[in-house]
């Protein structure tokens, strides 16, 4: 791959210079994610957006972007990027080693990447998804006002590939100062406890099954992705279910005929025909989005539900 020599790229259509981010190595699966497409479920369009929303919004804040600006969401490292202009960059989410031109970065939550330097993400030592925000935001082809990639519907740009040049927006001169020691994220150890609210179909389950949901230590299945996390454990019994398809919210704990729950993530379908026994809180859903196969999770109902 040829190194980028220019600090900026001339746009002949607008007569202005635009900064770009080049994908040198895309890793296993890297997409652009912004705020997504909320509010369009009635049209059959899912919200999409980052699987770990907290990590993505934090990355944007650290480089002075709006929280809903476009970022790169990388699965399991292997990503290498370079930019045509010097920019602040933030790396959050899964705990992974970050290198710039081969040298380890001590505090990758916020760094200044010079034009032409290469930033590389190693395989995370904890978690699945790494978020990379660049001052000005990462842009891509917009569908329904969003450049987020939806793995279920196929809306939005394709996952990034080696050699892709992504446009960057205008950066603020200097991002707000945030002490990095105040933004550390406590990494879960042992069982990941997920807070949830009962409903809307928990009345379809007997007391033995509602108790089983909260008393079982569930295991994250390898058959999980941005659509949802499949859990293995003691199967719940829903019997013969004959119900019309209905709306599915983010974090829905859906119970299919197998009796093993599926928790819906960012690319979940907008409707479904199996009962939803509860809904996981968004903050705990971020943790679940980072849980690798084999992780152990439990469910705790919130008070008053």
C-alpha atoms as a PDB file:
ATOM      1  CA  UNK A   1       0.000   0.000   0.000  1.00  0.00           C
ATOM      2  CA  UNK A   2       1.461   3.371  -1.025  1.00  0.00           C
ATOM      3  CA  UNK A   3       1.889   5.863   1.788  1.00  0.00           C
ATOM      4  CA  UNK A   4      -0.220   9.024   1.572  1.00  0.00           C
ATOM      5  CA  UNK A   5       1.999  12.031   0.867  1.00  0.00           C
ATOM      6  CA  UNK A   6      -0.524  14.882   0.634  1.00  0.00           C
ATOM      7  CA  UNK A   7      -1.987  16.316   3.815  1.00  0.00           C
ATOM      8  CA  UNK A   8      -5.284  16.977   2.032  1.00  0.00           C
ATOM      9  CA  UNK A   9      -7.169  15.920  -1.125  1.00  0.00           C
ATOM     10  CA  UNK A  10      -8.516  18.474  -3.588  1.00  0.00           C
ATOM     11  CA  UNK A  11     -12.261  18.178  -4.363  1.00  0.00           C
ATOM     12  CA  UNK A  12     -12.757  19.376  -7.936  1.00  0.00           C
ATOM     13  CA  UNK A  13     -16.551  19.517  -7.513  1.00  0.00           C
ATOM     14  CA  UNK A  14     -16.569  21.952  -4.605  1.00  0.00           C
ATOM     15  CA  UNK A  15     -13.234  23.643  -5.111  1.00  0.00           C
ATOM     16  CA  UNK A  16     -12.261  22.840  -1.529  1.00  0.00           C
ATOM     17  CA  UNK A  17      -9.863  20.542   0.206  1.00  0.00           C
ATOM     18  CA  UNK A  18     -11.243  17.523   2.063  1.00  0.00           C
ATOM     19  CA  UNK A  19      -9.473  15.322   4.558  1.00  0.00           C
ATOM     20  CA  UNK A  20      -9.767  11.572   4.110  1.00  0.00           C
ATOM     21  CA  UNK A  21      -9.253   8.451   6.157  1.00  0.00           C
ATOM     22  CA  UNK A  22      -7.722   5.516   4.268  1.00  0.00           C
ATOM     23  CA  UNK A  23      -8.388   1.908   5.236  1.00  0.00           C
ATOM     24  CA  UNK A  24      -5.041   0.095   4.967  1.00  0.00           C
ATOM     25  CA  UNK A  25      -6.271  -3.153   6.548  1.00  0.00           C
ATOM     26  CA  UNK A  26      -9.992  -3.577   7.366  1.00  0.00           C
ATOM     27  CA  UNK A  27      -9.743  -6.344   9.952  1.00  0.00           C
ATOM     28  CA  UNK A  28     -12.391  -9.032  10.247  1.00  0.00           C
ATOM     29  CA  UNK A  29     -15.424  -6.746  10.044  1.00  0.00           C
ATOM     30  CA  UNK A  30     -15.359  -2.954  10.231  1.00  0.00           C
ATOM     31  CA  UNK A  31     -18.293  -0.677   9.478  1.00  0.00           C
ATOM     32  CA  UNK A  32     -19.214   2.990   9.710  1.00  0.00           C
ATOM     33  CA  UNK A  33     -21.776   3.673  12.426  1.00  0.00           C
ATOM     34  CA  UNK A  34     -23.490   6.927  13.344  1.00  0.00           C
ATOM     35  CA  UNK A  35     -26.741   7.557  15.228  1.00  0.00           C
ATOM     36  CA  UNK A  36     -28.542   5.227  12.813  1.00  0.00           C
ATOM     37  CA  UNK A  37     -32.146   5.518  11.645  1.00  0.00           C
ATOM     38  CA  UNK A  38     -34.343   5.821  14.741  1.00  0.00           C
ATOM     39  CA  UNK A  39     -38.033   6.550  14.376  1.00  0.00           C
ATOM     40  CA  UNK A  40     -38.559   4.626  11.124  1.00  0.00           C
ATOM     41  CA  UNK A  41     -39.717   1.277  12.507  1.00  0.00           C
ATOM     42  CA  UNK A  42     -43.231   1.937  11.158  1.00  0.00           C
ATOM     43  CA  UNK A  43     -41.663   1.830   7.681  1.00  0.00           C
ATOM     44  CA  UNK A  44     -39.895  -1.443   8.443  1.00  0.00           C
ATOM     45  CA  UNK A  45     -36.515   0.258   8.847  1.00  0.00           C
ATOM     46  CA  UNK A  46     -34.417  -0.631  11.874  1.00  0.00           C
ATOM     47  CA  UNK A  47     -32.519   1.907  13.951  1.00  0.00           C
ATOM     48  CA  UNK A  48     -29.053   0.331  13.550  1.00  0.00           C
ATOM     49  CA  UNK A  49     -26.165   2.423  14.962  1.00  0.00           C
ATOM     50  CA  UNK A  50     -23.300   1.291  17.230  1.00  0.00           C
ATOM     51  CA  UNK A  51     -23.690  -1.993  19.099  1.00  0.00           C
ATOM     52  CA  UNK A  52     -21.960  -0.371  22.096  1.00  0.00           C
ATOM     53  CA  UNK A  53     -23.543   3.070  22.046  1.00  0.00           C
ATOM     54  CA  UNK A  54     -21.782   4.316  25.134  1.00  0.00           C
ATOM     55  CA  UNK A  55     -18.328   3.577  23.720  1.00  0.00           C
ATOM     56  CA  UNK A  56     -19.125   5.254  20.391  1.00  0.00           C
ATOM     57  CA  UNK A  57     -20.528   8.432  21.953  1.00  0.00           C
ATOM     58  CA  UNK A  58     -17.557   8.657  24.339  1.00  0.00           C
ATOM     59  CA  UNK A  59     -15.095   8.362  21.452  1.00  0.00           C
ATOM     60  CA  UNK A  60     -16.838  11.229  19.664  1.00  0.00           C
ATOM     61  CA  UNK A  61     -16.893  13.469  22.740  1.00  0.00           C
ATOM     62  CA  UNK A  62     -13.164  12.985  23.295  1.00  0.00           C
ATOM     63  CA  UNK A  63     -12.289  14.401  19.863  1.00  0.00           C
ATOM     64  CA  UNK A  64     -14.845  17.220  19.956  1.00  0.00           C
ATOM     65  CA  UNK A  65     -17.453  15.632  17.676  1.00  0.00           C
ATOM     66  CA  UNK A  66     -21.210  15.543  18.230  1.00  0.00           C
ATOM     67  CA  UNK A  67     -22.043  12.273  19.984  1.00  0.00           C
ATOM     68  CA  UNK A  68     -23.905  11.002  16.911  1.00  0.00           C
ATOM     69  CA  UNK A  69     -21.073  11.591  14.421  1.00  0.00           C
ATOM     70  CA  UNK A  70     -19.854   8.697  12.299  1.00  0.00           C
ATOM     71  CA  UNK A  71     -17.250   6.367  13.805  1.00  0.00           C
ATOM     72  CA  UNK A  72     -15.625   3.110  12.782  1.00  0.00           C
ATOM     73  CA  UNK A  73     -16.862   0.005  14.601  1.00  0.00           C
ATOM     74  CA  UNK A  74     -14.252  -2.748  14.386  1.00  0.00           C
ATOM     75  CA  UNK A  75     -14.774  -6.370  15.369  1.00  0.00           C
ATOM     76  CA  UNK A  76     -11.798  -8.162  16.959  1.00  0.00           C
ATOM     77  CA  UNK A  77      -9.044  -5.816  15.808  1.00  0.00           C
ATOM     78  CA  UNK A  78      -6.828  -6.168  12.752  1.00  0.00           C
ATOM     79  CA  UNK A  79      -7.692  -2.648  11.562  1.00  0.00           C
ATOM     80  CA  UNK A  80      -5.039  -0.257  10.222  1.00  0.00           C
ATOM     81  CA  UNK A  81      -5.866   3.298   9.107  1.00  0.00           C
ATOM     82  CA  UNK A  82      -4.059   6.450   8.029  1.00  0.00           C
ATOM     83  CA  UNK A  83      -5.298   9.980   7.339  1.00  0.00           C
ATOM     84  CA  UNK A  84      -4.437  12.682   4.797  1.00  0.00           C
ATOM     85  CA  UNK A  85      -4.617  15.373   7.492  1.00  0.00           C
ATOM     86  CA  UNK A  86      -3.447  15.497  11.090  1.00  0.00           C
ATOM     87  CA  UNK A  87      -6.396  14.851  13.406  1.00  0.00           C
ATOM     88  CA  UNK A  88      -7.284  13.950  16.974  1.00  0.00           C
ATOM     89  CA  UNK A  89      -8.351  10.293  17.175  1.00  0.00           C
ATOM     90  CA  UNK A  90     -10.017   8.389  20.005  1.00  0.00           C
ATOM     91  CA  UNK A  91     -10.110   4.619  20.505  1.00  0.00           C
ATOM     92  CA  UNK A  92     -12.685   3.227  22.955  1.00  0.00           C
ATOM     93  CA  UNK A  93     -14.756   0.097  23.557  1.00  0.00           C
ATOM     94  CA  UNK A  94     -13.003  -3.250  23.786  1.00  0.00           C
ATOM     95  CA  UNK A  95      -9.580  -3.139  25.455  1.00  0.00           C
ATOM     96  CA  UNK A  96      -7.053  -3.539  22.645  1.00  0.00           C
ATOM     97  CA  UNK A  97      -3.438  -2.564  22.072  1.00  0.00           C
ATOM     98  CA  UNK A  98      -3.109   0.454  19.785  1.00  0.00           C
ATOM     99  CA  UNK A  99       0.049   1.263  17.805  1.00  0.00           C
ATOM    100  CA  UNK A 100       1.037   4.279  15.731  1.00  0.00           C
ATOM    101  CA  UNK A 101       3.753   3.493  13.178  1.00  0.00           C
ATOM    102  CA  UNK A 102       4.501   0.357  15.169  1.00  0.00           C
ATOM    103  CA  UNK A 103       4.862   2.073  18.549  1.00  0.00           C
ATOM    104  CA  UNK A 104       2.442   1.255  21.366  1.00  0.00           C
ATOM    105  CA  UNK A 105       0.191   4.146  22.437  1.00  0.00           C
ATOM    106  CA  UNK A 106      -0.099   4.419  26.216  1.00  0.00           C
ATOM    107  CA  UNK A 107      -3.405   6.340  26.237  1.00  0.00           C
ATOM    108  CA  UNK A 108      -5.311   5.539  23.019  1.00  0.00           C
ATOM    109  CA  UNK A 109      -8.526   7.118  24.346  1.00  0.00           C
ATOM    110  CA  UNK A 110      -7.266  10.329  22.755  1.00  0.00           C
ATOM    111  CA  UNK A 111      -4.200  10.827  20.578  1.00  0.00           C
ATOM    112  CA  UNK A 112      -3.023  13.166  17.844  1.00  0.00           C
ATOM    113  CA  UNK A 113      -2.429  11.305  14.593  1.00  0.00           C
ATOM    114  CA  UNK A 114      -0.173  13.123  12.162  1.00  0.00           C
ATOM    115  CA  UNK A 115      -0.945  13.004   8.449  1.00  0.00           C
ATOM    116  CA  UNK A 116       0.435   9.800   6.943  1.00  0.00           C
ATOM    117  CA  UNK A 117       0.970   8.000  10.247  1.00  0.00           C
ATOM    118  CA  UNK A 118      -0.573   4.533  10.544  1.00  0.00           C
ATOM    119  CA  UNK A 119      -2.763   3.588  13.474  1.00  0.00           C
ATOM    120  CA  UNK A 120      -3.275  -0.144  14.076  1.00  0.00           C
ATOM    121  CA  UNK A 121      -5.654  -1.998  16.394  1.00  0.00           C
ATOM    122  CA  UNK A 122      -4.646  -5.394  17.805  1.00  0.00           C
ATOM    123  CA  UNK A 123      -7.006  -8.177  18.848  1.00  0.00           C
ATOM    124  CA  UNK A 124      -8.752  -7.091  22.070  1.00  0.00           C
ATOM    125  CA  UNK A 125      -7.732  -8.652  25.357  1.00  0.00           C
ATOM    126  CA  UNK A 126     -11.283  -7.993  26.574  1.00  0.00           C
ATOM    127  CA  UNK A 127     -14.440  -7.354  24.589  1.00  0.00           C
ATOM    128  CA  UNK A 128     -15.329  -7.620  20.932  1.00  0.00           C
ATOM    129  CA  UNK A 129     -15.875  -4.190  19.416  1.00  0.00           C
ATOM    130  CA  UNK A 130     -13.449  -1.266  19.176  1.00  0.00           C
ATOM    131  CA  UNK A 131     -14.627   2.253  18.256  1.00  0.00           C
ATOM    132  CA  UNK A 132     -12.448   4.744  16.418  1.00  0.00           C
ATOM    133  CA  UNK A 133     -13.578   8.370  16.241  1.00  0.00           C
ATOM    134  CA  UNK A 134     -11.702  10.960  14.190  1.00  0.00           C
ATOM    135  CA  UNK A 135     -12.122  14.697  14.708  1.00  0.00           C
ATOM    136  CA  UNK A 136     -14.682  15.888  12.173  1.00  0.00           C
ATOM    137  CA  UNK A 137     -16.430  12.523  11.996  1.00  0.00           C
ATOM    138  CA  UNK A 138     -16.261   9.693   9.454  1.00  0.00           C
ATOM    139  CA  UNK A 139     -18.735   9.967   6.584  1.00  0.00           C
ATOM    140  CA  UNK A 140     -20.086   7.539   4.003  1.00  0.00           C
ATOM    141  CA  UNK A 141     -22.969   7.012   1.610  1.00  0.00           C
ATOM    142  CA  UNK A 142     -26.161   8.093   3.362  1.00  0.00           C
ATOM    143  CA  UNK A 143     -29.382   6.094   3.243  1.00  0.00           C
ATOM    144  CA  UNK A 144     -32.360   7.623   5.055  1.00  0.00           C
ATOM    145  CA  UNK A 145     -30.037  10.350   6.387  1.00  0.00           C
ATOM    146  CA  UNK A 146     -27.581   7.876   7.948  1.00  0.00           C
ATOM    147  CA  UNK A 147     -24.283   6.309   6.898  1.00  0.00           C
ATOM    148  CA  UNK A 148     -24.670   3.439   9.402  1.00  0.00           C
ATOM    149  CA  UNK A 149     -24.250  -0.087   8.048  1.00  0.00           C
ATOM    150  CA  UNK A 150     -27.201  -2.368   8.911  1.00  0.00           C
ATOM    151  CA  UNK A 151     -26.051  -5.990   8.711  1.00  0.00           C
ATOM    152  CA  UNK A 152     -29.633  -7.343   8.711  1.00  0.00           C
ATOM    153  CA  UNK A 153     -31.305  -5.189   6.049  1.00  0.00           C
ATOM    154  CA  UNK A 154     -28.199  -4.294   4.038  1.00  0.00           C
ATOM    155  CA  UNK A 155     -28.953  -0.561   4.253  1.00  0.00           C
ATOM    156  CA  UNK A 156     -26.007   1.812   4.350  1.00  0.00           C
ATOM    157  CA  UNK A 157     -22.476   1.465   3.002  1.00  0.00           C
ATOM    158  CA  UNK A 158     -20.770  -1.901   2.750  1.00  0.00           C
ATOM    159  CA  UNK A 159     -18.231  -2.918   5.401  1.00  0.00           C
ATOM    160  CA  UNK A 160     -14.969  -1.107   4.729  1.00  0.00           C
ATOM    161  CA  UNK A 161     -12.326  -2.695   2.523  1.00  0.00           C
ATOM    162  CA  UNK A 162      -8.588  -2.222   2.075  1.00  0.00           C
ATOM    163  CA  UNK A 163      -7.944   0.862  -0.032  1.00  0.00           C
ATOM    164  CA  UNK A 164     -11.219   2.626   0.834  1.00  0.00           C
ATOM    165  CA  UNK A 165     -10.925   6.385   1.286  1.00  0.00           C
ATOM    166  CA  UNK A 166     -13.524   7.770   3.693  1.00  0.00           C
ATOM    167  CA  UNK A 167     -14.319  11.455   3.862  1.00  0.00           C
ATOM    168  CA  UNK A 168     -13.768  13.312   7.132  1.00  0.00           C
ATOM    169  CA  UNK A 169     -15.776  16.317   8.236  1.00  0.00           C
ATOM    170  CA  UNK A 170     -14.434  19.627   9.483  1.00  0.00           C
ATOM    171  CA  UNK A 171     -12.626  19.233  12.794  1.00  0.00           C
ATOM    172  CA  UNK A 172     -12.810  21.577  15.746  1.00  0.00           C
ATOM    173  CA  UNK A 173      -9.528  23.364  16.423  1.00  0.00           C
ATOM    174  CA  UNK A 174      -9.062  21.753  19.827  1.00  0.00           C
ATOM    175  CA  UNK A 175     -11.321  19.175  21.507  1.00  0.00           C
ATOM    176  CA  UNK A 176     -12.556  19.925  25.032  1.00  0.00           C
ATOM    177  CA  UNK A 177     -10.189  18.820  27.740  1.00  0.00           C
ATOM    178  CA  UNK A 178     -11.389  15.691  29.515  1.00  0.00           C
ATOM    179  CA  UNK A 179      -9.078  14.080  32.093  1.00  0.00           C
ATOM    180  CA  UNK A 180      -8.507  10.593  30.700  1.00  0.00           C
ATOM    181  CA  UNK A 181      -8.306   9.118  34.196  1.00  0.00           C
ATOM    182  CA  UNK A 182     -11.990   9.995  34.653  1.00  0.00           C
ATOM    183  CA  UNK A 183     -13.250   8.077  31.638  1.00  0.00           C
ATOM    184  CA  UNK A 184     -11.975   4.601  32.417  1.00  0.00           C
ATOM    185  CA  UNK A 185     -14.553   1.880  31.967  1.00  0.00           C
ATOM    186  CA  UNK A 186     -14.773  -0.849  34.585  1.00  0.00           C
ATOM    187  CA  UNK A 187     -14.283  -4.130  32.757  1.00  0.00           C
ATOM    188  CA  UNK A 188     -16.674  -6.815  33.983  1.00  0.00           C
ATOM    189  CA  UNK A 189     -15.145  -9.864  35.588  1.00  0.00           C
ATOM    190  CA  UNK A 190     -16.961 -13.134  36.090  1.00  0.00           C
ATOM    191  CA  UNK A 191     -20.701 -13.061  35.450  1.00  0.00           C
ATOM    192  CA  UNK A 192     -22.105 -10.041  33.562  1.00  0.00           C
ATOM    193  CA  UNK A 193     -25.338  -9.028  35.297  1.00  0.00           C
ATOM    194  CA  UNK A 194     -27.966  -7.512  33.004  1.00  0.00           C
ATOM    195  CA  UNK A 195     -30.680  -5.291  34.440  1.00  0.00           C
ATOM    196  CA  UNK A 196     -34.015  -5.614  32.670  1.00  0.00           C
ATOM    197  CA  UNK A 197     -37.696  -4.736  32.861  1.00  0.00           C
ATOM    198  CA  UNK A 198     -40.407  -7.378  32.618  1.00  0.00           C
ATOM    199  CA  UNK A 199     -42.804  -7.377  29.710  1.00  0.00           C
ATOM    200  CA  UNK A 200     -44.539  -7.001  27.450  1.00  0.00           C
ATOM    201  CA  UNK A 201     -45.345 -10.761  27.206  1.00  0.00           C
ATOM    202  CA  UNK A 202     -43.977 -12.121  30.474  1.00  0.00           C
ATOM    203  CA  UNK A 203     -47.534 -13.129  31.481  1.00  0.00           C
ATOM    204  CA  UNK A 204     -47.297 -15.896  28.844  1.00  0.00           C
ATOM    205  CA  UNK A 205     -44.683 -17.635  31.014  1.00  0.00           C
ATOM    206  CA  UNK A 206     -45.339 -19.557  34.213  1.00  0.00           C
ATOM    207  CA  UNK A 207     -43.676 -18.718  37.520  1.00  0.00           C
ATOM    208  CA  UNK A 208     -41.166 -21.559  37.078  1.00  0.00           C
ATOM    209  CA  UNK A 209     -39.965 -20.031  33.810  1.00  0.00           C
ATOM    210  CA  UNK A 210     -39.776 -16.442  35.049  1.00  0.00           C
ATOM    211  CA  UNK A 211     -37.756 -17.756  37.981  1.00  0.00           C
ATOM    212  CA  UNK A 212     -35.542 -19.751  35.612  1.00  0.00           C
ATOM    213  CA  UNK A 213     -34.779 -16.615  33.584  1.00  0.00           C
ATOM    214  CA  UNK A 214     -33.397 -14.793  36.633  1.00  0.00           C
ATOM    215  CA  UNK A 215     -31.785 -17.749  38.398  1.00  0.00           C
ATOM    216  CA  UNK A 216     -29.966 -19.323  35.439  1.00  0.00           C
ATOM    217  CA  UNK A 217     -26.391 -18.406  34.545  1.00  0.00           C
ATOM    218  CA  UNK A 218     -26.589 -18.129  30.781  1.00  0.00           C
ATOM    219  CA  UNK A 219     -23.737 -18.567  28.301  1.00  0.00           C
ATOM    220  CA  UNK A 220     -23.214 -16.376  25.213  1.00  0.00           C
ATOM    221  CA  UNK A 221     -23.450 -18.501  22.086  1.00  0.00           C
ATOM    222  CA  UNK A 222     -20.986 -18.268  19.203  1.00  0.00           C
ATOM    223  CA  UNK A 223     -24.049 -17.808  16.986  1.00  0.00           C
ATOM    224  CA  UNK A 224     -24.333 -14.125  17.961  1.00  0.00           C
ATOM    225  CA  UNK A 225     -23.826 -10.917  15.975  1.00  0.00           C
ATOM    226  CA  UNK A 226     -25.035  -7.312  15.671  1.00  0.00           C
ATOM    227  CA  UNK A 227     -28.600  -8.551  15.249  1.00  0.00           C
ATOM    228  CA  UNK A 228     -28.745 -10.324  18.595  1.00  0.00           C
ATOM    229  CA  UNK A 229     -26.985 -12.337  21.261  1.00  0.00           C
ATOM    230  CA  UNK A 230     -28.134 -15.951  21.591  1.00  0.00           C
ATOM    231  CA  UNK A 231     -27.890 -17.425  25.066  1.00  0.00           C
ATOM    232  CA  UNK A 232     -27.496 -21.060  26.077  1.00  0.00           C
ATOM    233  CA  UNK A 233     -28.808 -22.496  29.320  1.00  0.00           C
ATOM    234  CA  UNK A 234     -31.926 -23.924  30.907  1.00  0.00           C
ATOM    235  CA  UNK A 235     -34.655 -23.725  28.256  1.00  0.00           C
ATOM    236  CA  UNK A 236     -37.831 -21.868  29.110  1.00  0.00           C
ATOM    237  CA  UNK A 237     -41.189 -23.381  28.160  1.00  0.00           C
ATOM    238  CA  UNK A 238     -43.575 -21.223  26.159  1.00  0.00           C
ATOM    239  CA  UNK A 239     -45.735 -24.051  24.836  1.00  0.00           C
ATOM    240  CA  UNK A 240     -47.696 -23.555  21.620  1.00  0.00           C
ATOM    241  CA  UNK A 241     -47.463 -19.869  20.709  1.00  0.00           C
ATOM    242  CA  UNK A 242     -49.880 -18.352  18.222  1.00  0.00           C
ATOM    243  CA  UNK A 243     -49.394 -14.613  18.266  1.00  0.00           C
ATOM    244  CA  UNK A 244     -49.255 -11.955  15.557  1.00  0.00           C
ATOM    245  CA  UNK A 245     -45.963 -10.331  14.700  1.00  0.00           C
ATOM    246  CA  UNK A 246     -45.390  -7.232  16.818  1.00  0.00           C
ATOM    247  CA  UNK A 247     -42.837  -4.495  17.296  1.00  0.00           C
ATOM    248  CA  UNK A 248     -39.445  -5.391  18.775  1.00  0.00           C
ATOM    249  CA  UNK A 249     -37.480  -2.820  20.822  1.00  0.00           C
ATOM    250  CA  UNK A 250     -33.740  -2.597  21.287  1.00  0.00           C
ATOM    251  CA  UNK A 251     -32.756  -4.955  24.118  1.00  0.00           C
ATOM    252  CA  UNK A 252     -35.810  -7.198  23.753  1.00  0.00           C
ATOM    253  CA  UNK A 253     -35.375 -10.634  25.366  1.00  0.00           C
ATOM    254  CA  UNK A 254     -37.222 -12.785  22.848  1.00  0.00           C
ATOM    255  CA  UNK A 255     -37.905 -16.441  23.577  1.00  0.00           C
ATOM    256  CA  UNK A 256     -38.144 -18.632  20.429  1.00  0.00           C
ATOM    257  CA  UNK A 257     -39.450 -22.238  20.423  1.00  0.00           C
ATOM    258  CA  UNK A 258     -36.048 -23.518  21.563  1.00  0.00           C
ATOM    259  CA  UNK A 259     -36.710 -21.796  24.900  1.00  0.00           C
ATOM    260  CA  UNK A 260     -33.246 -20.193  24.936  1.00  0.00           C
ATOM    261  CA  UNK A 261     -33.411 -16.380  24.936  1.00  0.00           C
ATOM    262  CA  UNK A 262     -32.130 -14.028  22.240  1.00  0.00           C
ATOM    263  CA  UNK A 263     -31.325 -10.453  23.260  1.00  0.00           C
ATOM    264  CA  UNK A 264     -31.706  -8.031  20.364  1.00  0.00           C
ATOM    265  CA  UNK A 265     -28.863  -5.640  19.530  1.00  0.00           C
ATOM    266  CA  UNK A 266     -28.529  -2.687  17.144  1.00  0.00           C
ATOM    267  CA  UNK A 267     -29.470  -4.457  13.875  1.00  0.00           C
ATOM    268  CA  UNK A 268     -32.486  -6.299  15.290  1.00  0.00           C
ATOM    269  CA  UNK A 269     -35.647  -6.802  13.210  1.00  0.00           C
ATOM    270  CA  UNK A 270     -38.412  -4.276  13.811  1.00  0.00           C
ATOM    271  CA  UNK A 271     -41.054  -7.007  14.292  1.00  0.00           C
ATOM    272  CA  UNK A 272     -41.131 -10.576  15.563  1.00  0.00           C
ATOM    273  CA  UNK A 273     -43.580 -13.377  16.237  1.00  0.00           C
ATOM    274  CA  UNK A 274     -42.174 -14.817  19.469  1.00  0.00           C
ATOM    275  CA  UNK A 275     -42.917 -13.484  22.960  1.00  0.00           C
ATOM    276  CA  UNK A 276     -40.696 -10.890  24.606  1.00  0.00           C
ATOM    277  CA  UNK A 277     -40.317 -11.719  28.283  1.00  0.00           C
ATOM    278  CA  UNK A 278     -38.389  -8.529  29.119  1.00  0.00           C
ATOM    279  CA  UNK A 279     -36.178  -5.711  27.841  1.00  0.00           C
ATOM    280  CA  UNK A 280     -32.549  -5.141  28.876  1.00  0.00           C
ATOM    281  CA  UNK A 281     -31.512  -1.591  29.810  1.00  0.00           C
ATOM    282  CA  UNK A 282     -29.450   0.236  27.188  1.00  0.00           C
ATOM    283  CA  UNK A 283     -26.419   0.703  29.460  1.00  0.00           C
ATOM    284  CA  UNK A 284     -26.224  -3.017  30.233  1.00  0.00           C
ATOM    285  CA  UNK A 285     -26.870  -3.809  26.579  1.00  0.00           C
ATOM    286  CA  UNK A 286     -23.542  -2.096  25.816  1.00  0.00           C
ATOM    287  CA  UNK A 287     -21.809  -4.632  28.060  1.00  0.00           C
ATOM    288  CA  UNK A 288     -23.594  -7.521  26.385  1.00  0.00           C
ATOM    289  CA  UNK A 289     -22.518  -6.218  22.964  1.00  0.00           C
ATOM    290  CA  UNK A 290     -18.921  -6.630  24.137  1.00  0.00           C
ATOM    291  CA  UNK A 291     -19.362 -10.149  25.583  1.00  0.00           C
ATOM    292  CA  UNK A 292     -17.447 -12.794  23.583  1.00  0.00           C
ATOM    293  CA  UNK A 293     -18.785 -16.337  23.091  1.00  0.00           C
ATOM    294  CA  UNK A 294     -18.643 -18.314  26.300  1.00  0.00           C
ATOM    295  CA  UNK A 295     -19.203 -15.284  28.530  1.00  0.00           C
ATOM    296  CA  UNK A 296     -21.587 -15.900  31.419  1.00  0.00           C
ATOM    297  CA  UNK A 297     -24.522 -13.558  31.972  1.00  0.00           C
ATOM    298  CA  UNK A 298     -27.443 -13.307  34.377  1.00  0.00           C
ATOM    299  CA  UNK A 299     -30.673 -11.280  34.426  1.00  0.00           C
ATOM    300  CA  UNK A 300     -31.811  -9.067  37.304  1.00  0.00           C
ATOM    301  CA  UNK A 301     -35.280  -7.439  37.175  1.00  0.00           C
ATOM    302  CA  UNK A 302     -35.314  -3.751  38.046  1.00  0.00           C
ATOM    303  CA  UNK A 303     -37.293  -2.663  41.081  1.00  0.00           C
ATOM    304  CA  UNK A 304     -40.871  -1.689  40.354  1.00  0.00           C
ATOM    305  CA  UNK A 305     -41.212  -3.849  37.229  1.00  0.00           C
END
